[in-house]
Amino acid sequence: MMFSAFFGNYLLNKGRVQLEDMKRVLEVMHTKNLKLGVLAINLGYMTAKEVENVHDKQAFMDKYFGEVAIEQGYLTEEQLEILLAEQKSERLVLAQTLIEEGIMSLEAFEQEINLYKIEYGLNDDQFEAIRNGDVHVVATAFMTFEKEEKVQQFYIEFVTLFVKNLIRFVDSHVSIDRVQRIDELEYPHLISQYLVGEDTFFTAVGGSEEVFLTLAEKYATTSFEAFDEYAIDACQEFLNVTTGLFAVNLSDQDIEYTLKPPTHVTDAIVRPKNTLYRIPVHLSHGTIYLIVGHLD
């Protein structure tokens, strides 16, 4: 659920929702059925005030939300059909759960959606991509690497593949923050890998032992008593699978890279000569940091 992951993380970072409240929301959100009012606000068809007016009128008449909204001129027949189709999706259950749990009002939800789009400079197509889970469009919107277009796209393709594999193998609640230029790496654990060809492409994942342990357990679908060699192997294998598939995709474009084995370092401090870029990747159980860059 990409929208829930992105918007939920935004609310946490802004202090709009407390961590304990968010955990409670995540526990109950899958039991909720998406309501048309919340969906109508998200799609921009109705305002929070209009939704409240419909709810008020429903208290005095035996009619569905859509019927009343059309009678009041808030919705068209075509818009209602779209809402009914979208209602089957779980993409926006987070928003409804926030409201039903008393954590956020309709007005606050509407305001935060607009502020989120403004803060991240998202146009309508990019916001729709988040709602629809289009990882490539989302990565393009969030990624600026201060490189020429060819290298920029190279990085974006890798980030896209990395996020897709996280969603596929580890966690459906994945979101990314804007790319950060860094001159030094310092993490309790760092798993890295090189692709060597006409240049050297460096990729790594940094984070805490707790986050890596959960990642290993979800990827390997087994439990580990500690972040031991077996858990480390699982995390290395995840990076290796992602980087290997990326190399295959490059090969299909007649771009050849040799994959080096992944390595793991504890209490890593790396000061590369070349510029590296870090992308915070937020998961349900914490944050990892994807690092990419060309070393020569």
C-alpha atoms as a PDB file:
ATOM      1  CA  MET A   1       0.000   0.000   0.000  1.00  0.00           C
ATOM      2  CA  MET A   2       2.239   2.746  -1.281  1.00  0.00           C
ATOM      3  CA  PHE A   3      -0.073   5.667  -0.576  1.00  0.00           C
ATOM      4  CA  SER A   4      -0.529   4.595   3.042  1.00  0.00           C
ATOM      5  CA  ALA A   5       3.230   4.206   3.456  1.00  0.00           C
ATOM      6  CA  PHE A   6       4.116   7.588   1.939  1.00  0.00           C
ATOM      7  CA  PHE A   7       1.367   9.602   3.584  1.00  0.00           C
ATOM      8  CA  GLY A   8       1.659   7.804   6.924  1.00  0.00           C
ATOM      9  CA  ASN A   9       5.388   8.470   7.079  1.00  0.00           C
ATOM     10  CA  TYR A  10       4.781  12.117   6.168  1.00  0.00           C
ATOM     11  CA  LEU A  11       2.310  12.476   9.048  1.00  0.00           C
ATOM     12  CA  LEU A  12       4.808  10.924  11.469  1.00  0.00           C
ATOM     13  CA  ASN A  13       7.677  13.167  10.351  1.00  0.00           C
ATOM     14  CA  LYS A  14       5.498  16.265  10.685  1.00  0.00           C
ATOM     15  CA  GLY A  15       4.301  15.258  14.126  1.00  0.00           C
ATOM     16  CA  ARG A  16       0.681  15.179  12.939  1.00  0.00           C
ATOM     17  CA  VAL A  17       0.361  11.614  14.244  1.00  0.00           C
ATOM     18  CA  GLN A  18       2.181   9.979  17.135  1.00  0.00           C
ATOM     19  CA  LEU A  19       4.051   6.727  16.640  1.00  0.00           C
ATOM     20  CA  GLU A  20       1.823   4.763  19.008  1.00  0.00           C
ATOM     21  CA  ASP A  21      -1.288   6.032  17.236  1.00  0.00           C
ATOM     22  CA  MET A  22       0.166   5.060  13.864  1.00  0.00           C
ATOM     23  CA  LYS A  23       0.948   1.563  15.127  1.00  0.00           C
ATOM     24  CA  ARG A  24      -2.636   1.232  16.324  1.00  0.00           C
ATOM     25  CA  VAL A  25      -3.944   2.444  12.970  1.00  0.00           C
ATOM     26  CA  LEU A  26      -1.810  -0.065  11.078  1.00  0.00           C
ATOM     27  CA  GLU A  27      -3.154  -2.859  13.265  1.00  0.00           C
ATOM     28  CA  VAL A  28      -6.796  -2.114  12.479  1.00  0.00           C
ATOM     29  CA  MET A  29      -6.676  -0.597   8.993  1.00  0.00           C
ATOM     30  CA  HIS A  30      -6.919  -3.920   7.170  1.00  0.00           C
ATOM     31  CA  THR A  31     -10.292  -4.585   8.795  1.00  0.00           C
ATOM     32  CA  LYS A  32     -11.823  -1.402   7.414  1.00  0.00           C
ATOM     33  CA  ASN A  33     -13.923  -0.923   4.300  1.00  0.00           C
ATOM     34  CA  LEU A  34     -13.136   2.290   2.450  1.00  0.00           C
ATOM     35  CA  LYS A  35     -15.918   4.888   2.674  1.00  0.00           C
ATOM     36  CA  LEU A  36     -16.976   6.989  -0.289  1.00  0.00           C
ATOM     37  CA  GLY A  37     -16.599  10.274   1.576  1.00  0.00           C
ATOM     38  CA  VAL A  38     -12.910   9.739   2.305  1.00  0.00           C
ATOM     39  CA  LEU A  39     -12.337   8.596  -1.250  1.00  0.00           C
ATOM     40  CA  ALA A  40     -14.226  11.580  -2.709  1.00  0.00           C
ATOM     41  CA  ILE A  41     -11.993  13.980  -0.751  1.00  0.00           C
ATOM     42  CA  ASN A  42      -8.820  12.205  -1.858  1.00  0.00           C
ATOM     43  CA  LEU A  43      -9.843  12.350  -5.521  1.00  0.00           C
ATOM     44  CA  GLY A  44     -10.779  16.024  -5.220  1.00  0.00           C
ATOM     45  CA  TYR A  45     -14.412  15.448  -6.097  1.00  0.00           C
ATOM     46  CA  MET A  46     -15.780  16.830  -2.821  1.00  0.00           C
ATOM     47  CA  THR A  47     -14.646  18.985   0.077  1.00  0.00           C
ATOM     48  CA  ALA A  48     -14.711  17.898   3.693  1.00  0.00           C
ATOM     49  CA  LYS A  49     -17.631  20.258   4.304  1.00  0.00           C
ATOM     50  CA  GLU A  50     -19.644  18.717   1.465  1.00  0.00           C
ATOM     51  CA  VAL A  51     -19.005  15.224   2.822  1.00  0.00           C
ATOM     52  CA  GLU A  52     -20.202  16.324   6.258  1.00  0.00           C
ATOM     53  CA  ASN A  53     -23.348  17.823   4.701  1.00  0.00           C
ATOM     54  CA  VAL A  54     -24.129  14.509   3.035  1.00  0.00           C
ATOM     55  CA  HIS A  55     -23.607  12.656   6.314  1.00  0.00           C
ATOM     56  CA  ASP A  56     -25.934  15.102   8.086  1.00  0.00           C
ATOM     57  CA  LYS A  57     -28.666  14.561   5.510  1.00  0.00           C
ATOM     58  CA  GLN A  58     -28.246  10.776   5.708  1.00  0.00           C
ATOM     59  CA  ALA A  59     -29.262  10.992   9.365  1.00  0.00           C
ATOM     60  CA  PHE A  60     -32.723  11.956   8.199  1.00  0.00           C
ATOM     61  CA  MET A  61     -33.188   9.911   5.042  1.00  0.00           C
ATOM     62  CA  ASP A  62     -32.731   6.272   4.029  1.00  0.00           C
ATOM     63  CA  LYS A  63     -30.408   6.891   1.093  1.00  0.00           C
ATOM     64  CA  TYR A  64     -26.877   5.920   0.162  1.00  0.00           C
ATOM     65  CA  PHE A  65     -24.035   8.421   0.305  1.00  0.00           C
ATOM     66  CA  GLY A  66     -23.745   8.529  -3.491  1.00  0.00           C
ATOM     67  CA  GLU A  67     -27.457   9.173  -3.980  1.00  0.00           C
ATOM     68  CA  VAL A  68     -27.464  12.146  -1.639  1.00  0.00           C
ATOM     69  CA  ALA A  69     -24.226  13.554  -3.079  1.00  0.00           C
ATOM     70  CA  ILE A  70     -25.677  13.481  -6.596  1.00  0.00           C
ATOM     71  CA  GLU A  71     -28.949  15.072  -5.440  1.00  0.00           C
ATOM     72  CA  GLN A  72     -26.962  17.884  -3.814  1.00  0.00           C
ATOM     73  CA  GLY A  73     -24.894  18.437  -6.946  1.00  0.00           C
ATOM     74  CA  TYR A  74     -21.644  17.382  -5.293  1.00  0.00           C
ATOM     75  CA  LEU A  75     -21.044  14.412  -7.571  1.00  0.00           C
ATOM     76  CA  THR A  76     -21.897  13.410 -11.117  1.00  0.00           C
ATOM     77  CA  GLU A  77     -23.044   9.934 -12.094  1.00  0.00           C
ATOM     78  CA  GLU A  78     -19.680   9.332 -13.741  1.00  0.00           C
ATOM     79  CA  GLN A  79     -17.763  10.368 -10.628  1.00  0.00           C
ATOM     80  CA  LEU A  80     -19.882   8.074  -8.471  1.00  0.00           C
ATOM     81  CA  GLU A  81     -19.078   5.146 -10.758  1.00  0.00           C
ATOM     82  CA  ILE A  82     -15.376   5.871 -10.357  1.00  0.00           C
ATOM     83  CA  LEU A  83     -15.743   6.098  -6.564  1.00  0.00           C
ATOM     84  CA  LEU A  84     -17.625   2.803  -6.374  1.00  0.00           C
ATOM     85  CA  ALA A  85     -14.891   1.117  -8.424  1.00  0.00           C
ATOM     86  CA  GLU A  86     -12.138   2.655  -6.324  1.00  0.00           C
ATOM     87  CA  GLN A  87     -13.935   1.715  -3.106  1.00  0.00           C
ATOM     88  CA  LYS A  88     -12.884  -1.904  -3.612  1.00  0.00           C
ATOM     89  CA  SER A  89      -9.236  -0.876  -3.230  1.00  0.00           C
ATOM     90  CA  GLU A  90      -7.361  -0.802   0.083  1.00  0.00           C
ATOM     91  CA  ARG A  91      -5.009   1.970  -0.976  1.00  0.00           C
ATOM     92  CA  LEU A  92      -6.666   4.628   1.137  1.00  0.00           C
ATOM     93  CA  VAL A  93      -7.752   2.605   4.134  1.00  0.00           C
ATOM     94  CA  LEU A  94      -5.130   4.426   6.214  1.00  0.00           C
ATOM     95  CA  ALA A  95      -6.920   7.737   5.730  1.00  0.00           C
ATOM     96  CA  GLN A  96     -10.283   6.356   6.763  1.00  0.00           C
ATOM     97  CA  THR A  97      -8.817   4.590   9.795  1.00  0.00           C
ATOM     98  CA  LEU A  98      -7.166   7.812  10.973  1.00  0.00           C
ATOM     99  CA  ILE A  99     -10.567   9.474  10.866  1.00  0.00           C
ATOM    100  CA  GLU A 100     -12.534   6.658  12.476  1.00  0.00           C
ATOM    101  CA  GLU A 101      -9.979   6.260  15.267  1.00  0.00           C
ATOM    102  CA  GLY A 102     -10.422   9.934  16.133  1.00  0.00           C
ATOM    103  CA  ILE A 103      -6.818  10.789  15.270  1.00  0.00           C
ATOM    104  CA  MET A 104      -7.577  13.138  12.381  1.00  0.00           C
ATOM    105  CA  SER A 105     -10.692  14.984  11.229  1.00  0.00           C
ATOM    106  CA  LEU A 106     -11.979  15.184   7.675  1.00  0.00           C
ATOM    107  CA  GLU A 107     -10.804  18.786   7.456  1.00  0.00           C
ATOM    108  CA  ALA A 108      -7.349  17.922   8.764  1.00  0.00           C
ATOM    109  CA  PHE A 109      -7.052  15.018   6.339  1.00  0.00           C
ATOM    110  CA  GLU A 110      -7.983  17.234   3.400  1.00  0.00           C
ATOM    111  CA  GLN A 111      -5.510  19.904   4.502  1.00  0.00           C
ATOM    112  CA  GLU A 112      -2.658  17.443   5.032  1.00  0.00           C
ATOM    113  CA  ILE A 113      -3.179  15.887   1.599  1.00  0.00           C
ATOM    114  CA  ASN A 114      -2.815  19.334   0.004  1.00  0.00           C
ATOM    115  CA  LEU A 115       0.213  20.242   2.149  1.00  0.00           C
ATOM    116  CA  TYR A 116       1.859  16.928   1.310  1.00  0.00           C
ATOM    117  CA  LYS A 117       1.515  17.559  -2.417  1.00  0.00           C
ATOM    118  CA  ILE A 118       2.891  21.100  -2.033  1.00  0.00           C
ATOM    119  CA  GLU A 119       5.834  20.145   0.195  1.00  0.00           C
ATOM    120  CA  TYR A 120       7.049  17.442  -2.143  1.00  0.00           C
ATOM    121  CA  GLY A 121       6.225  19.381  -5.299  1.00  0.00           C
ATOM    122  CA  LEU A 122       3.967  16.633  -6.596  1.00  0.00           C
ATOM    123  CA  ASN A 123       1.807  17.337  -9.604  1.00  0.00           C
ATOM    124  CA  ASP A 124      -1.479  15.523 -10.113  1.00  0.00           C
ATOM    125  CA  ASP A 125       0.104  12.771 -12.221  1.00  0.00           C
ATOM    126  CA  GLN A 126       2.824  12.106  -9.636  1.00  0.00           C
ATOM    127  CA  PHE A 127       0.333  12.049  -6.778  1.00  0.00           C
ATOM    128  CA  GLU A 128      -1.814   9.647  -8.779  1.00  0.00           C
ATOM    129  CA  ALA A 129       1.259   7.473  -9.294  1.00  0.00           C
ATOM    130  CA  ILE A 130       1.684   7.199  -5.517  1.00  0.00           C
ATOM    131  CA  ARG A 131      -1.971   6.242  -5.172  1.00  0.00           C
ATOM    132  CA  ASN A 132      -1.608   3.645  -7.899  1.00  0.00           C
ATOM    133  CA  GLY A 133       1.706   2.253  -6.672  1.00  0.00           C
ATOM    134  CA  ASP A 134       3.670   3.229  -9.810  1.00  0.00           C
ATOM    135  CA  VAL A 135       7.166   2.894  -8.352  1.00  0.00           C
ATOM    136  CA  HIS A 136       9.055   4.243 -11.369  1.00  0.00           C
ATOM    137  CA  VAL A 137       7.059   7.472 -11.558  1.00  0.00           C
ATOM    138  CA  VAL A 138       7.385   7.917  -7.788  1.00  0.00           C
ATOM    139  CA  ALA A 139      11.158   7.370  -7.896  1.00  0.00           C
ATOM    140  CA  THR A 140      11.480   9.870 -10.734  1.00  0.00           C
ATOM    141  CA  ALA A 141       9.514  12.453  -8.742  1.00  0.00           C
ATOM    142  CA  PHE A 142      11.663  12.038  -5.624  1.00  0.00           C
ATOM    143  CA  MET A 143      15.090  11.502  -7.167  1.00  0.00           C
ATOM    144  CA  THR A 144      17.464  14.314  -8.153  1.00  0.00           C
ATOM    145  CA  PHE A 145      21.077  13.160  -8.372  1.00  0.00           C
ATOM    146  CA  GLU A 146      22.739  16.274  -9.816  1.00  0.00           C
ATOM    147  CA  LYS A 147      24.031  14.157 -12.672  1.00  0.00           C
ATOM    148  CA  GLU A 148      23.635  14.183 -16.422  1.00  0.00           C
ATOM    149  CA  GLU A 149      20.394  12.664 -17.701  1.00  0.00           C
ATOM    150  CA  LYS A 150      21.910   9.289 -18.591  1.00  0.00           C
ATOM    151  CA  VAL A 151      23.354   8.748 -15.096  1.00  0.00           C
ATOM    152  CA  GLN A 152      20.220  10.143 -13.483  1.00  0.00           C
ATOM    153  CA  GLN A 153      18.110   7.525 -15.250  1.00  0.00           C
ATOM    154  CA  PHE A 154      20.642   4.822 -14.372  1.00  0.00           C
ATOM    155  CA  TYR A 155      20.192   5.593 -10.661  1.00  0.00           C
ATOM    156  CA  ILE A 156      16.429   5.919 -10.910  1.00  0.00           C
ATOM    157  CA  GLU A 157      16.159   2.511 -12.563  1.00  0.00           C
ATOM    158  CA  PHE A 158      18.134   0.916  -9.747  1.00  0.00           C
ATOM    159  CA  VAL A 159      16.113   2.655  -7.015  1.00  0.00           C
ATOM    160  CA  THR A 160      12.907   1.568  -8.755  1.00  0.00           C
ATOM    161  CA  LEU A 161      14.028  -2.054  -8.852  1.00  0.00           C
ATOM    162  CA  PHE A 162      15.194  -1.955  -5.233  1.00  0.00           C
ATOM    163  CA  VAL A 163      11.846  -0.618  -4.012  1.00  0.00           C
ATOM    164  CA  LYS A 164       9.882  -3.085  -6.148  1.00  0.00           C
ATOM    165  CA  ASN A 165      11.826  -5.974  -4.643  1.00  0.00           C
ATOM    166  CA  LEU A 166      11.233  -4.669  -1.133  1.00  0.00           C
ATOM    167  CA  ILE A 167       7.503  -4.562  -1.842  1.00  0.00           C
ATOM    168  CA  ARG A 168       7.602  -7.996  -3.448  1.00  0.00           C
ATOM    169  CA  PHE A 169       9.735  -9.839  -0.891  1.00  0.00           C
ATOM    170  CA  VAL A 170       9.782  -7.855   2.354  1.00  0.00           C
ATOM    171  CA  ASP A 171       7.107  -5.253   3.049  1.00  0.00           C
ATOM    172  CA  SER A 172       4.144  -3.800   1.175  1.00  0.00           C
ATOM    173  CA  HIS A 173       4.402  -0.567   3.192  1.00  0.00           C
ATOM    174  CA  VAL A 174       7.436   1.060   1.550  1.00  0.00           C
ATOM    175  CA  SER A 175       8.056   4.754   1.021  1.00  0.00           C
ATOM    176  CA  ILE A 176      11.098   6.806   0.080  1.00  0.00           C
ATOM    177  CA  ASP A 177      12.267  10.313   0.950  1.00  0.00           C
ATOM    178  CA  ARG A 178      14.154  12.704  -1.242  1.00  0.00           C
ATOM    179  CA  VAL A 179      17.680  11.776  -2.247  1.00  0.00           C
ATOM    180  CA  GLN A 180      20.509  13.220  -0.135  1.00  0.00           C
ATOM    181  CA  ARG A 181      24.054  13.925  -1.304  1.00  0.00           C
ATOM    182  CA  ILE A 182      26.570  12.611   1.222  1.00  0.00           C
ATOM    183  CA  ASP A 183      30.340  12.612   1.652  1.00  0.00           C
ATOM    184  CA  GLU A 184      30.557  10.062   4.462  1.00  0.00           C
ATOM    185  CA  LEU A 185      28.829   6.819   5.452  1.00  0.00           C
ATOM    186  CA  GLU A 186      28.481   5.830   9.099  1.00  0.00           C
ATOM    187  CA  TYR A 187      26.150   2.966  10.030  1.00  0.00           C
ATOM    188  CA  PRO A 188      26.034   0.180  12.625  1.00  0.00           C
ATOM    189  CA  HIS A 189      25.700  -2.226   9.708  1.00  0.00           C
ATOM    190  CA  LEU A 190      26.478  -1.696   6.038  1.00  0.00           C
ATOM    191  CA  ILE A 191      25.910  -4.236   3.278  1.00  0.00           C
ATOM    192  CA  SER A 192      27.474  -3.209  -0.014  1.00  0.00           C
ATOM    193  CA  GLN A 193      28.072  -4.498  -3.527  1.00  0.00           C
ATOM    194  CA  TYR A 194      29.917  -3.371  -6.647  1.00  0.00           C
ATOM    195  CA  LEU A 195      29.075  -3.641 -10.333  1.00  0.00           C
ATOM    196  CA  VAL A 196      32.210  -3.289 -12.444  1.00  0.00           C
ATOM    197  CA  GLY A 197      32.159  -2.421 -16.134  1.00  0.00           C
ATOM    198  CA  GLU A 198      33.215   0.671 -18.030  1.00  0.00           C
ATOM    199  CA  ASP A 199      32.967   2.270 -14.593  1.00  0.00           C
ATOM    200  CA  THR A 200      32.289   1.053 -11.047  1.00  0.00           C
ATOM    201  CA  PHE A 201      28.782   1.356  -9.664  1.00  0.00           C
ATOM    202  CA  PHE A 202      28.570   1.171  -5.885  1.00  0.00           C
ATOM    203  CA  THR A 203      25.411   0.272  -4.026  1.00  0.00           C
ATOM    204  CA  ALA A 204      24.885  -0.318  -0.330  1.00  0.00           C
ATOM    205  CA  VAL A 205      22.249  -0.536   2.360  1.00  0.00           C
ATOM    206  CA  GLY A 206      22.880   0.887   5.829  1.00  0.00           C
ATOM    207  CA  GLY A 207      20.870   0.638   9.002  1.00  0.00           C
ATOM    208  CA  SER A 208      20.497  -0.669  12.511  1.00  0.00           C
ATOM    209  CA  GLU A 209      20.756  -4.294  13.598  1.00  0.00           C
ATOM    210  CA  GLU A 210      17.064  -4.381  14.526  1.00  0.00           C
ATOM    211  CA  VAL A 211      15.882  -3.205  11.111  1.00  0.00           C
ATOM    212  CA  PHE A 212      18.227  -5.560   9.255  1.00  0.00           C
ATOM    213  CA  LEU A 213      17.161  -8.501  11.411  1.00  0.00           C
ATOM    214  CA  THR A 214      13.493  -7.962  10.566  1.00  0.00           C
ATOM    215  CA  LEU A 215      14.364  -7.506   6.895  1.00  0.00           C
ATOM    216  CA  ALA A 216      16.270 -10.804   6.960  1.00  0.00           C
ATOM    217  CA  GLU A 217      13.380 -12.642   8.618  1.00  0.00           C
ATOM    218  CA  LYS A 218      10.810 -11.324   6.165  1.00  0.00           C
ATOM    219  CA  TYR A 219      12.985 -11.990   3.134  1.00  0.00           C
ATOM    220  CA  ALA A 220      14.021 -15.488   4.239  1.00  0.00           C
ATOM    221  CA  THR A 221      10.546 -16.218   5.705  1.00  0.00           C
ATOM    222  CA  THR A 222      12.134 -17.638   8.836  1.00  0.00           C
ATOM    223  CA  SER A 223      13.040 -16.515  12.353  1.00  0.00           C
ATOM    224  CA  PHE A 224      16.566 -15.730  13.510  1.00  0.00           C
ATOM    225  CA  GLU A 225      17.563 -15.653  17.162  1.00  0.00           C
ATOM    226  CA  ALA A 226      20.044 -12.878  16.453  1.00  0.00           C
ATOM    227  CA  PHE A 227      21.587 -10.948  13.595  1.00  0.00           C
ATOM    228  CA  ASP A 228      24.055 -13.755  13.019  1.00  0.00           C
ATOM    229  CA  GLU A 229      25.807 -14.977   9.881  1.00  0.00           C
ATOM    230  CA  TYR A 230      22.609 -16.564   8.573  1.00  0.00           C
ATOM    231  CA  ALA A 231      20.614 -13.368   8.960  1.00  0.00           C
ATOM    232  CA  ILE A 232      23.451 -11.384   7.391  1.00  0.00           C
ATOM    233  CA  ASP A 233      23.505 -13.841   4.489  1.00  0.00           C
ATOM    234  CA  ALA A 234      19.787 -13.259   3.941  1.00  0.00           C
ATOM    235  CA  CYS A 235      20.272  -9.478   3.754  1.00  0.00           C
ATOM    236  CA  GLN A 236      23.248  -9.891   1.437  1.00  0.00           C
ATOM    237  CA  GLU A 237      21.205 -12.204  -0.748  1.00  0.00           C
ATOM    238  CA  PHE A 238      18.429  -9.627  -1.023  1.00  0.00           C
ATOM    239  CA  LEU A 239      20.878  -6.995  -2.246  1.00  0.00           C
ATOM    240  CA  ASN A 240      22.573  -9.517  -4.517  1.00  0.00           C
ATOM    241  CA  VAL A 241      19.270 -10.551  -6.126  1.00  0.00           C
ATOM    242  CA  THR A 242      18.356  -6.912  -6.735  1.00  0.00           C
ATOM    243  CA  THR A 243      21.755  -5.906  -8.079  1.00  0.00           C
ATOM    244  CA  GLY A 244      21.992  -9.069 -10.174  1.00  0.00           C
ATOM    245  CA  LEU A 245      18.638  -8.434 -11.803  1.00  0.00           C
ATOM    246  CA  PHE A 246      19.708  -4.861 -12.481  1.00  0.00           C
ATOM    247  CA  ALA A 247      22.845  -6.165 -14.215  1.00  0.00           C
ATOM    248  CA  VAL A 248      20.682  -8.456 -16.350  1.00  0.00           C
ATOM    249  CA  ASN A 249      18.486  -5.527 -17.342  1.00  0.00           C
ATOM    250  CA  LEU A 250      21.585  -3.552 -18.323  1.00  0.00           C
ATOM    251  CA  SER A 251      22.880  -6.494 -20.334  1.00  0.00           C
ATOM    252  CA  ASP A 252      19.640  -6.485 -22.320  1.00  0.00           C
ATOM    253  CA  GLN A 253      20.601  -2.928 -23.294  1.00  0.00           C
ATOM    254  CA  ASP A 254      24.114  -4.106 -24.311  1.00  0.00           C
ATOM    255  CA  ILE A 255      25.608  -2.544 -21.166  1.00  0.00           C
ATOM    256  CA  GLU A 256      27.836  -5.101 -19.474  1.00  0.00           C
ATOM    257  CA  TYR A 257      28.686  -5.115 -15.764  1.00  0.00           C
ATOM    258  CA  THR A 258      30.307  -7.799 -13.633  1.00  0.00           C
ATOM    259  CA  LEU A 259      28.696  -8.419 -10.268  1.00  0.00           C
ATOM    260  CA  LYS A 260      31.002  -8.614  -7.263  1.00  0.00           C
ATOM    261  CA  PRO A 261      29.961 -10.528  -4.104  1.00  0.00           C
ATOM    262  CA  PRO A 262      28.181  -8.455  -1.451  1.00  0.00           C
ATOM    263  CA  THR A 263      30.007  -7.677   1.785  1.00  0.00           C
ATOM    264  CA  HIS A 264      28.926  -6.813   5.317  1.00  0.00           C
ATOM    265  CA  VAL A 265      30.697  -4.399   7.675  1.00  0.00           C
ATOM    266  CA  THR A 266      29.816  -3.454  11.248  1.00  0.00           C
ATOM    267  CA  ASP A 267      30.300   0.076  12.609  1.00  0.00           C
ATOM    268  CA  ALA A 268      31.052   1.188   9.090  1.00  0.00           C
ATOM    269  CA  ILE A 269      32.630   4.571   8.437  1.00  0.00           C
ATOM    270  CA  VAL A 270      33.291   5.220   4.763  1.00  0.00           C
ATOM    271  CA  ARG A 271      34.657   8.424   3.289  1.00  0.00           C
ATOM    272  CA  PRO A 272      34.622   7.961  -0.482  1.00  0.00           C
ATOM    273  CA  LYS A 273      36.496  10.197  -2.875  1.00  0.00           C
ATOM    274  CA  ASN A 274      33.462  10.381  -5.145  1.00  0.00           C
ATOM    275  CA  THR A 275      29.998  11.721  -4.409  1.00  0.00           C
ATOM    276  CA  LEU A 276      27.478   9.232  -3.102  1.00  0.00           C
ATOM    277  CA  TYR A 277      23.722   9.573  -2.783  1.00  0.00           C
ATOM    278  CA  ARG A 278      21.540   8.277   0.018  1.00  0.00           C
ATOM    279  CA  ILE A 279      17.829   7.514  -0.207  1.00  0.00           C
ATOM    280  CA  PRO A 280      15.937   6.941   3.072  1.00  0.00           C
ATOM    281  CA  VAL A 281      13.637   3.955   2.609  1.00  0.00           C
ATOM    282  CA  HIS A 282      10.917   3.631   5.223  1.00  0.00           C
ATOM    283  CA  LEU A 283       9.495   0.203   6.052  1.00  0.00           C
ATOM    284  CA  SER A 284       6.847  -0.861   8.539  1.00  0.00           C
ATOM    285  CA  HIS A 285       9.549  -1.866  11.016  1.00  0.00           C
ATOM    286  CA  GLY A 286      11.984   1.018  10.553  1.00  0.00           C
ATOM    287  CA  THR A 287      14.214   2.840   8.084  1.00  0.00           C
ATOM    288  CA  ILE A 288      17.083   1.629   5.951  1.00  0.00           C
ATOM    289  CA  TYR A 289      19.283   3.783   3.745  1.00  0.00           C
ATOM    290  CA  LEU A 290      19.994   2.909   0.141  1.00  0.00           C
ATOM    291  CA  ILE A 291      23.321   4.334  -1.100  1.00  0.00           C
ATOM    292  CA  VAL A 292      24.313   4.573  -4.755  1.00  0.00           C
ATOM    293  CA  GLY A 293      27.118   6.201  -6.686  1.00  0.00           C
ATOM    294  CA  HIS A 294      29.793   5.794  -9.354  1.00  0.00           C
ATOM    295  CA  LEU A 295      33.315   5.471  -7.988  1.00  0.00           C
ATOM    296  CA  ASP A 296      35.173   6.180 -11.215  1.00  0.00           C
END
